[in-house]
């Protein structure tokens, strides 16, 4: 019994040393997810292309959504190179912080062009047409999951 306790204590210190104080093993992966979405050139459905490959962007959004870290979504919004990363953040804010959603929504150019890949179909639409898709839950349900 004492030997098992000794092994457990060593394992605890080893994992703490590897993961850092907060033992957040997923932090690095989720930071990559923020970066992937911040550099998105389009919104992607869960399955993209003729062969129906699983979208890396969809997977990234899903992981970040499960984590639910508001600061990471704020970072995503502010670090996005174009509108697509901002939309991924807006989808999360609509469900989790309506005030911030409205503020960010009002900052954006409603006429900006948005590209959405849904399976092997490319859709191009003004941002003003995307907001109802966010607010109805359609974008999150059908495009991102």
N, C-alpha and C. Protein backbone atom coordinates (compact mmCIF):
# COMPACT_ATOMS: atom_id res chain seq x y z
N UNK A 1 0.83 -1.19 0.00
CA UNK A 1 0.00 0.00 0.00
C UNK A 1 0.87 1.25 0.00
N UNK A 2 1.90 1.28 0.83
CA UNK A 2 2.79 2.44 0.88
C UNK A 2 3.49 2.63 -0.46
N UNK A 3 3.83 1.53 -1.13
CA UNK A 3 4.48 1.62 -2.44
C UNK A 3 3.55 2.26 -3.46
N UNK A 4 2.27 1.90 -3.45
CA UNK A 4 1.30 2.50 -4.38
C UNK A 4 1.14 3.99 -4.13
N UNK A 5 1.13 4.41 -2.87
CA UNK A 5 1.03 5.82 -2.53
C UNK A 5 2.24 6.57 -3.06
N UNK A 6 3.42 5.96 -2.90
CA UNK A 6 4.67 6.57 -3.36
C UNK A 6 4.63 6.77 -4.88
N UNK A 7 4.13 5.78 -5.60
CA UNK A 7 4.03 5.86 -7.07
C UNK A 7 3.03 6.95 -7.45
N UNK A 8 1.91 7.01 -6.74
CA UNK A 8 0.90 8.03 -7.04
C UNK A 8 1.43 9.44 -6.82
N UNK A 9 2.18 9.63 -5.76
CA UNK A 9 2.75 10.94 -5.46
C UNK A 9 3.75 11.31 -6.56
N UNK A 10 4.60 10.36 -6.97
CA UNK A 10 5.56 10.63 -8.05
C UNK A 10 4.83 10.98 -9.35
N UNK A 11 3.78 10.25 -9.65
CA UNK A 11 3.01 10.51 -10.86
C UNK A 11 2.40 11.90 -10.82
N UNK A 12 1.86 12.28 -9.64
CA UNK A 12 1.28 13.61 -9.49
C UNK A 12 2.32 14.69 -9.77
N UNK A 13 3.49 14.57 -9.18
CA UNK A 13 4.52 15.59 -9.38
C UNK A 13 5.03 15.59 -10.82
N UNK A 14 5.12 14.43 -11.44
CA UNK A 14 5.55 14.35 -12.83
C UNK A 14 4.53 15.03 -13.75
N UNK A 15 3.25 14.74 -13.55
CA UNK A 15 2.23 15.36 -14.41
C UNK A 15 2.13 16.86 -14.15
N UNK A 16 2.33 17.28 -12.91
CA UNK A 16 2.31 18.71 -12.60
C UNK A 16 3.48 19.40 -13.28
N UNK A 17 4.64 18.78 -13.27
CA UNK A 17 5.82 19.36 -13.92
C UNK A 17 5.61 19.46 -15.42
N UNK A 18 4.99 18.47 -16.01
CA UNK A 18 4.77 18.47 -17.46
C UNK A 18 3.68 19.48 -17.83
N UNK A 19 2.58 19.49 -17.12
CA UNK A 19 1.41 20.30 -17.48
C UNK A 19 1.46 21.72 -16.92
N UNK A 20 2.27 21.94 -15.93
CA UNK A 20 2.28 23.25 -15.28
C UNK A 20 1.36 23.24 -14.08
N UNK A 21 1.31 24.34 -13.39
CA UNK A 21 0.56 24.41 -12.14
C UNK A 21 -0.91 24.07 -12.28
N UNK A 22 -1.54 24.56 -13.36
CA UNK A 22 -2.98 24.37 -13.46
C UNK A 22 -3.36 23.04 -14.08
N UNK A 23 -2.39 22.26 -14.47
CA UNK A 23 -2.60 20.92 -15.03
C UNK A 23 -3.58 20.95 -16.21
N UNK A 24 -3.49 21.99 -17.03
CA UNK A 24 -4.37 22.11 -18.19
C UNK A 24 -3.68 21.51 -19.40
N UNK A 25 -3.87 20.19 -19.60
CA UNK A 25 -3.24 19.48 -20.70
C UNK A 25 -3.78 19.97 -22.04
N UNK A 26 -5.00 20.47 -22.10
CA UNK A 26 -5.64 20.85 -23.35
C UNK A 26 -5.31 22.28 -23.77
N UNK A 27 -4.64 23.03 -22.91
CA UNK A 27 -4.40 24.44 -23.20
C UNK A 27 -3.68 24.66 -24.53
N UNK A 28 -2.62 23.92 -24.75
CA UNK A 28 -1.86 24.08 -25.99
C UNK A 28 -2.71 23.75 -27.21
N UNK A 29 -3.45 22.67 -27.14
CA UNK A 29 -4.32 22.26 -28.24
C UNK A 29 -5.36 23.36 -28.51
N UNK A 30 -5.95 23.90 -27.46
CA UNK A 30 -6.97 24.92 -27.63
C UNK A 30 -6.37 26.25 -28.11
N UNK A 31 -5.12 26.53 -27.76
CA UNK A 31 -4.46 27.72 -28.31
C UNK A 31 -4.27 27.55 -29.81
N UNK A 32 -3.94 26.35 -30.24
CA UNK A 32 -3.84 26.06 -31.68
C UNK A 32 -5.21 26.21 -32.34
N UNK A 33 -6.25 25.82 -31.63
CA UNK A 33 -7.61 25.95 -32.16
C UNK A 33 -7.96 27.42 -32.37
N UNK A 34 -7.62 28.28 -31.42
CA UNK A 34 -7.87 29.71 -31.56
C UNK A 34 -7.12 30.23 -32.79
N UNK A 35 -5.87 29.85 -32.93
CA UNK A 35 -5.08 30.30 -34.06
C UNK A 35 -5.67 29.81 -35.39
N UNK A 36 -6.07 28.55 -35.44
CA UNK A 36 -6.67 28.01 -36.68
C UNK A 36 -7.91 28.81 -37.08
N UNK A 37 -8.78 29.08 -36.12
CA UNK A 37 -10.01 29.82 -36.43
C UNK A 37 -9.73 31.29 -36.74
N UNK A 38 -8.73 31.87 -36.08
CA UNK A 38 -8.38 33.27 -36.34
C UNK A 38 -7.84 33.46 -37.76
N UNK A 39 -7.32 32.41 -38.35
CA UNK A 39 -6.77 32.48 -39.71
C UNK A 39 -7.71 31.88 -40.75
N UNK A 40 -8.94 31.60 -40.36
CA UNK A 40 -9.91 30.97 -41.28
C UNK A 40 -10.17 31.87 -42.48
N UNK A 41 -10.16 31.27 -43.65
CA UNK A 41 -10.45 32.00 -44.90
C UNK A 41 -11.92 31.85 -45.28
N UNK A 42 -12.64 30.99 -44.55
CA UNK A 42 -14.07 30.74 -44.80
C UNK A 42 -14.62 30.02 -43.58
N UNK A 43 -15.94 29.97 -43.47
CA UNK A 43 -16.59 29.10 -42.48
C UNK A 43 -16.72 27.73 -43.11
N UNK A 44 -16.59 26.70 -42.31
CA UNK A 44 -16.68 25.34 -42.85
C UNK A 44 -17.72 24.53 -42.07
N UNK A 45 -18.49 23.73 -42.81
CA UNK A 45 -19.40 22.79 -42.17
C UNK A 45 -18.57 21.65 -41.60
N UNK A 46 -19.21 20.79 -40.85
CA UNK A 46 -18.50 19.68 -40.22
C UNK A 46 -17.82 18.79 -41.25
N UNK A 47 -18.50 18.50 -42.35
CA UNK A 47 -17.92 17.72 -43.43
C UNK A 47 -17.76 18.61 -44.64
N UNK A 48 -16.56 18.61 -45.23
CA UNK A 48 -16.31 19.48 -46.38
C UNK A 48 -15.74 18.67 -47.54
N UNK A 49 -15.88 19.21 -48.73
CA UNK A 49 -15.35 18.58 -49.92
C UNK A 49 -16.22 17.45 -50.42
N UNK A 50 -15.94 17.01 -51.64
CA UNK A 50 -16.72 15.93 -52.24
C UNK A 50 -16.66 14.64 -51.44
N UNK A 51 -15.50 14.38 -50.86
CA UNK A 51 -15.33 13.14 -50.10
C UNK A 51 -15.86 13.24 -48.67
N UNK A 52 -16.29 14.41 -48.26
CA UNK A 52 -16.86 14.58 -46.93
C UNK A 52 -15.83 14.46 -45.82
N UNK A 53 -14.66 15.08 -46.00
CA UNK A 53 -13.63 15.07 -44.97
C UNK A 53 -14.08 15.89 -43.77
N UNK A 54 -13.67 15.47 -42.60
CA UNK A 54 -14.02 16.20 -41.38
C UNK A 54 -13.24 17.52 -41.32
N UNK A 55 -13.93 18.60 -41.10
CA UNK A 55 -13.34 19.93 -41.08
C UNK A 55 -12.51 20.15 -39.81
N UNK A 56 -11.27 20.59 -39.99
CA UNK A 56 -10.42 20.91 -38.84
C UNK A 56 -10.96 22.14 -38.11
N UNK A 57 -11.52 23.09 -38.86
CA UNK A 57 -12.09 24.28 -38.22
C UNK A 57 -13.29 23.91 -37.35
N UNK A 58 -14.13 23.04 -37.85
CA UNK A 58 -15.29 22.60 -37.08
C UNK A 58 -14.84 21.90 -35.80
N UNK A 59 -13.83 21.05 -35.93
CA UNK A 59 -13.30 20.35 -34.75
C UNK A 59 -12.73 21.35 -33.74
N UNK A 60 -12.02 22.37 -34.24
CA UNK A 60 -11.45 23.38 -33.35
C UNK A 60 -12.55 24.14 -32.61
N UNK A 61 -13.58 24.55 -33.35
CA UNK A 61 -14.69 25.26 -32.70
C UNK A 61 -15.36 24.38 -31.65
N UNK A 62 -15.55 23.11 -31.99
CA UNK A 62 -16.21 22.20 -31.06
C UNK A 62 -15.41 22.07 -29.76
N UNK A 63 -14.09 21.94 -29.86
CA UNK A 63 -13.26 21.83 -28.65
C UNK A 63 -13.34 23.11 -27.82
N UNK A 64 -13.22 24.26 -28.47
CA UNK A 64 -13.29 25.52 -27.74
C UNK A 64 -14.67 25.73 -27.11
N UNK A 65 -15.69 25.36 -27.83
CA UNK A 65 -17.06 25.49 -27.31
C UNK A 65 -17.24 24.65 -26.06
N UNK A 66 -16.72 23.43 -26.08
CA UNK A 66 -16.83 22.55 -24.90
C UNK A 66 -16.08 23.12 -23.72
N UNK A 67 -14.92 23.72 -23.99
CA UNK A 67 -14.13 24.32 -22.90
C UNK A 67 -14.87 25.53 -22.33
N UNK A 68 -15.51 26.32 -23.20
CA UNK A 68 -16.31 27.45 -22.74
C UNK A 68 -15.53 28.59 -22.13
N UNK A 69 -14.31 28.80 -22.58
CA UNK A 69 -13.47 29.86 -22.03
C UNK A 69 -13.74 31.18 -22.75
N UNK A 70 -14.42 32.07 -22.08
CA UNK A 70 -14.81 33.37 -22.65
C UNK A 70 -13.60 34.14 -23.16
N UNK A 71 -12.50 34.11 -22.42
CA UNK A 71 -11.30 34.85 -22.81
C UNK A 71 -10.71 34.34 -24.13
N UNK A 72 -10.81 33.05 -24.36
CA UNK A 72 -10.30 32.51 -25.63
C UNK A 72 -11.16 32.97 -26.80
N UNK A 73 -12.46 33.08 -26.60
CA UNK A 73 -13.31 33.58 -27.67
C UNK A 73 -13.11 35.08 -27.89
N UNK A 74 -12.82 35.83 -26.83
CA UNK A 74 -12.49 37.25 -27.00
C UNK A 74 -11.18 37.38 -27.78
N UNK A 75 -10.22 36.53 -27.43
CA UNK A 75 -8.94 36.52 -28.14
C UNK A 75 -9.17 36.18 -29.62
N UNK A 76 -10.00 35.18 -29.87
CA UNK A 76 -10.32 34.79 -31.24
C UNK A 76 -10.92 35.97 -32.00
N UNK A 77 -11.87 36.66 -31.40
CA UNK A 77 -12.51 37.79 -32.06
C UNK A 77 -11.48 38.87 -32.41
N UNK A 78 -10.66 39.22 -31.45
CA UNK A 78 -9.73 40.34 -31.63
C UNK A 78 -8.52 39.99 -32.50
N UNK A 79 -8.14 38.72 -32.54
CA UNK A 79 -6.96 38.32 -33.32
C UNK A 79 -7.31 37.81 -34.71
N UNK A 80 -8.58 37.73 -35.03
CA UNK A 80 -8.98 37.21 -36.33
C UNK A 80 -8.49 38.12 -37.45
N UNK A 81 -7.94 37.48 -38.48
CA UNK A 81 -7.42 38.22 -39.62
C UNK A 81 -8.53 38.72 -40.54
N UNK A 82 -9.70 38.10 -40.46
CA UNK A 82 -10.82 38.50 -41.31
C UNK A 82 -12.13 38.15 -40.61
N UNK A 83 -13.21 38.31 -41.32
CA UNK A 83 -14.54 38.16 -40.73
C UNK A 83 -14.85 36.74 -40.27
N UNK A 84 -14.25 35.75 -40.89
CA UNK A 84 -14.63 34.35 -40.61
C UNK A 84 -14.28 33.93 -39.18
N UNK A 85 -13.11 34.30 -38.71
CA UNK A 85 -12.77 34.00 -37.32
C UNK A 85 -13.68 34.73 -36.34
N UNK A 86 -14.02 35.96 -36.69
CA UNK A 86 -14.93 36.75 -35.84
C UNK A 86 -16.31 36.08 -35.77
N UNK A 87 -16.76 35.49 -36.87
CA UNK A 87 -18.07 34.83 -36.87
C UNK A 87 -18.05 33.61 -35.95
N UNK A 88 -16.96 32.83 -35.97
CA UNK A 88 -16.88 31.70 -35.04
C UNK A 88 -17.03 32.20 -33.61
N UNK A 89 -16.38 33.31 -33.28
CA UNK A 89 -16.50 33.88 -31.93
C UNK A 89 -17.92 34.37 -31.67
N UNK A 90 -18.53 35.02 -32.65
CA UNK A 90 -19.90 35.53 -32.48
C UNK A 90 -20.90 34.41 -32.21
N UNK A 91 -20.71 33.28 -32.86
CA UNK A 91 -21.60 32.13 -32.62
C UNK A 91 -21.57 31.76 -31.14
N UNK A 92 -20.38 31.73 -30.56
CA UNK A 92 -20.25 31.37 -29.15
C UNK A 92 -20.84 32.48 -28.26
N UNK A 93 -20.54 33.75 -28.58
CA UNK A 93 -21.05 34.85 -27.77
C UNK A 93 -22.57 34.94 -27.81
N UNK A 94 -23.18 34.61 -28.94
CA UNK A 94 -24.64 34.66 -29.00
C UNK A 94 -25.25 33.75 -27.93
N UNK A 95 -24.68 32.58 -27.73
CA UNK A 95 -25.19 31.64 -26.73
C UNK A 95 -24.77 31.97 -25.30
N UNK A 96 -23.66 32.66 -25.14
CA UNK A 96 -23.06 32.78 -23.82
C UNK A 96 -22.93 34.20 -23.27
N UNK A 97 -23.00 35.21 -24.12
CA UNK A 97 -22.86 36.59 -23.65
C UNK A 97 -23.53 37.51 -24.68
N UNK A 98 -24.84 37.65 -24.56
CA UNK A 98 -25.63 38.42 -25.53
C UNK A 98 -25.17 39.88 -25.64
N UNK A 99 -24.77 40.49 -24.53
CA UNK A 99 -24.32 41.88 -24.57
C UNK A 99 -23.07 42.04 -25.42
N UNK A 100 -22.11 41.16 -25.23
CA UNK A 100 -20.89 41.21 -26.02
C UNK A 100 -21.19 40.87 -27.48
N UNK A 101 -22.09 39.92 -27.70
CA UNK A 101 -22.50 39.58 -29.06
C UNK A 101 -23.03 40.83 -29.78
N UNK A 102 -23.95 41.55 -29.14
CA UNK A 102 -24.54 42.74 -29.76
C UNK A 102 -23.48 43.82 -30.01
N UNK A 103 -22.59 44.01 -29.04
CA UNK A 103 -21.54 45.03 -29.21
C UNK A 103 -20.64 44.70 -30.40
N UNK A 104 -20.17 43.44 -30.46
CA UNK A 104 -19.29 43.04 -31.56
C UNK A 104 -20.03 43.08 -32.89
N UNK A 105 -21.26 42.63 -32.90
CA UNK A 105 -22.08 42.64 -34.12
C UNK A 105 -22.18 44.05 -34.69
N UNK A 106 -22.40 45.03 -33.82
CA UNK A 106 -22.56 46.42 -34.26
C UNK A 106 -21.26 47.05 -34.75
N UNK A 107 -20.13 46.46 -34.39
CA UNK A 107 -18.83 46.98 -34.84
C UNK A 107 -18.51 46.59 -36.29
N UNK A 108 -19.17 45.59 -36.79
CA UNK A 108 -18.79 44.99 -38.07
C UNK A 108 -19.49 45.62 -39.27
N UNK A 109 -18.85 45.53 -40.42
CA UNK A 109 -19.40 45.99 -41.69
C UNK A 109 -20.41 44.96 -42.18
N UNK A 110 -21.67 45.32 -42.18
CA UNK A 110 -22.76 44.41 -42.54
C UNK A 110 -22.67 43.91 -43.99
N UNK A 111 -21.96 44.65 -44.84
CA UNK A 111 -21.83 44.28 -46.25
C UNK A 111 -20.62 43.42 -46.55
N UNK A 112 -19.81 43.15 -45.53
CA UNK A 112 -18.61 42.34 -45.76
C UNK A 112 -19.00 40.95 -46.27
N UNK A 113 -18.21 40.46 -47.20
CA UNK A 113 -18.50 39.17 -47.83
C UNK A 113 -18.05 38.01 -46.95
N UNK A 114 -18.94 37.04 -46.79
CA UNK A 114 -18.67 35.84 -46.00
C UNK A 114 -18.71 34.63 -46.93
N UNK A 115 -17.72 33.76 -46.79
CA UNK A 115 -17.67 32.53 -47.58
C UNK A 115 -17.96 31.36 -46.65
N UNK A 116 -18.87 30.51 -47.05
CA UNK A 116 -19.23 29.32 -46.27
C UNK A 116 -19.09 28.11 -47.17
N UNK A 117 -18.30 27.13 -46.69
CA UNK A 117 -18.21 25.85 -47.39
C UNK A 117 -19.10 24.86 -46.64
N UNK A 118 -20.10 24.38 -47.33
CA UNK A 118 -21.02 23.38 -46.77
C UNK A 118 -20.94 22.16 -47.67
N UNK A 119 -20.29 21.10 -47.15
CA UNK A 119 -19.97 19.92 -47.95
C UNK A 119 -19.12 20.39 -49.13
N UNK A 120 -19.57 20.17 -50.37
CA UNK A 120 -18.77 20.62 -51.52
C UNK A 120 -19.39 21.84 -52.20
N UNK A 121 -20.22 22.57 -51.47
CA UNK A 121 -20.86 23.77 -52.00
C UNK A 121 -20.24 25.00 -51.36
N UNK A 122 -19.91 25.98 -52.20
CA UNK A 122 -19.37 27.25 -51.71
C UNK A 122 -20.47 28.30 -51.78
N UNK A 123 -20.80 28.89 -50.63
CA UNK A 123 -21.82 29.94 -50.56
C UNK A 123 -21.14 31.27 -50.22
N UNK A 124 -21.53 32.31 -50.91
CA UNK A 124 -21.00 33.65 -50.62
C UNK A 124 -22.18 34.54 -50.29
N UNK A 125 -22.06 35.26 -49.18
CA UNK A 125 -23.19 36.04 -48.68
C UNK A 125 -22.68 37.26 -47.94
N UNK A 126 -23.45 38.35 -47.91
CA UNK A 126 -23.06 39.49 -47.06
C UNK A 126 -23.25 39.10 -45.58
N UNK A 127 -22.44 39.70 -44.74
CA UNK A 127 -22.51 39.42 -43.31
C UNK A 127 -23.91 39.64 -42.75
N UNK A 128 -24.63 40.61 -43.27
CA UNK A 128 -25.98 40.88 -42.77
C UNK A 128 -26.90 39.67 -42.92
N UNK A 129 -26.64 38.81 -43.90
CA UNK A 129 -27.44 37.59 -44.07
C UNK A 129 -27.01 36.46 -43.13
N UNK A 130 -25.84 36.60 -42.53
CA UNK A 130 -25.31 35.55 -41.63
C UNK A 130 -25.86 35.71 -40.22
N UNK A 131 -26.12 36.94 -39.79
CA UNK A 131 -26.61 37.17 -38.43
C UNK A 131 -27.89 36.39 -38.12
N UNK A 132 -28.89 36.36 -39.01
CA UNK A 132 -30.07 35.54 -38.70
C UNK A 132 -29.74 34.04 -38.56
N UNK A 133 -28.72 33.59 -39.28
CA UNK A 133 -28.31 32.18 -39.15
C UNK A 133 -27.68 31.91 -37.79
N UNK A 134 -26.95 32.89 -37.27
CA UNK A 134 -26.38 32.77 -35.92
C UNK A 134 -27.50 32.80 -34.89
N UNK A 135 -28.40 33.76 -35.02
CA UNK A 135 -29.43 34.01 -34.01
C UNK A 135 -30.51 32.94 -33.99
N UNK A 136 -30.68 32.22 -35.07
CA UNK A 136 -31.65 31.11 -35.09
C UNK A 136 -31.03 29.80 -34.60
N UNK A 137 -29.71 29.78 -34.46
CA UNK A 137 -29.01 28.56 -34.07
C UNK A 137 -28.64 27.68 -35.26
N UNK A 138 -29.09 28.06 -36.45
CA UNK A 138 -28.83 27.25 -37.65
C UNK A 138 -27.34 27.10 -37.92
N UNK A 139 -26.60 28.21 -37.83
CA UNK A 139 -25.18 28.15 -38.15
C UNK A 139 -24.44 27.20 -37.21
N UNK A 140 -24.72 27.30 -35.95
CA UNK A 140 -24.06 26.42 -34.98
C UNK A 140 -24.45 24.97 -35.19
N UNK A 141 -25.73 24.73 -35.38
CA UNK A 141 -26.23 23.36 -35.49
C UNK A 141 -25.81 22.67 -36.79
N UNK A 142 -26.01 23.35 -37.91
CA UNK A 142 -25.83 22.69 -39.19
C UNK A 142 -24.48 22.95 -39.85
N UNK A 143 -23.88 24.08 -39.58
CA UNK A 143 -22.63 24.39 -40.22
C UNK A 143 -21.45 24.00 -39.35
N UNK A 144 -21.51 24.31 -38.06
CA UNK A 144 -20.34 24.08 -37.21
C UNK A 144 -20.34 22.72 -36.54
N UNK A 145 -21.48 22.04 -36.46
CA UNK A 145 -21.47 20.72 -35.83
C UNK A 145 -21.83 19.68 -36.84
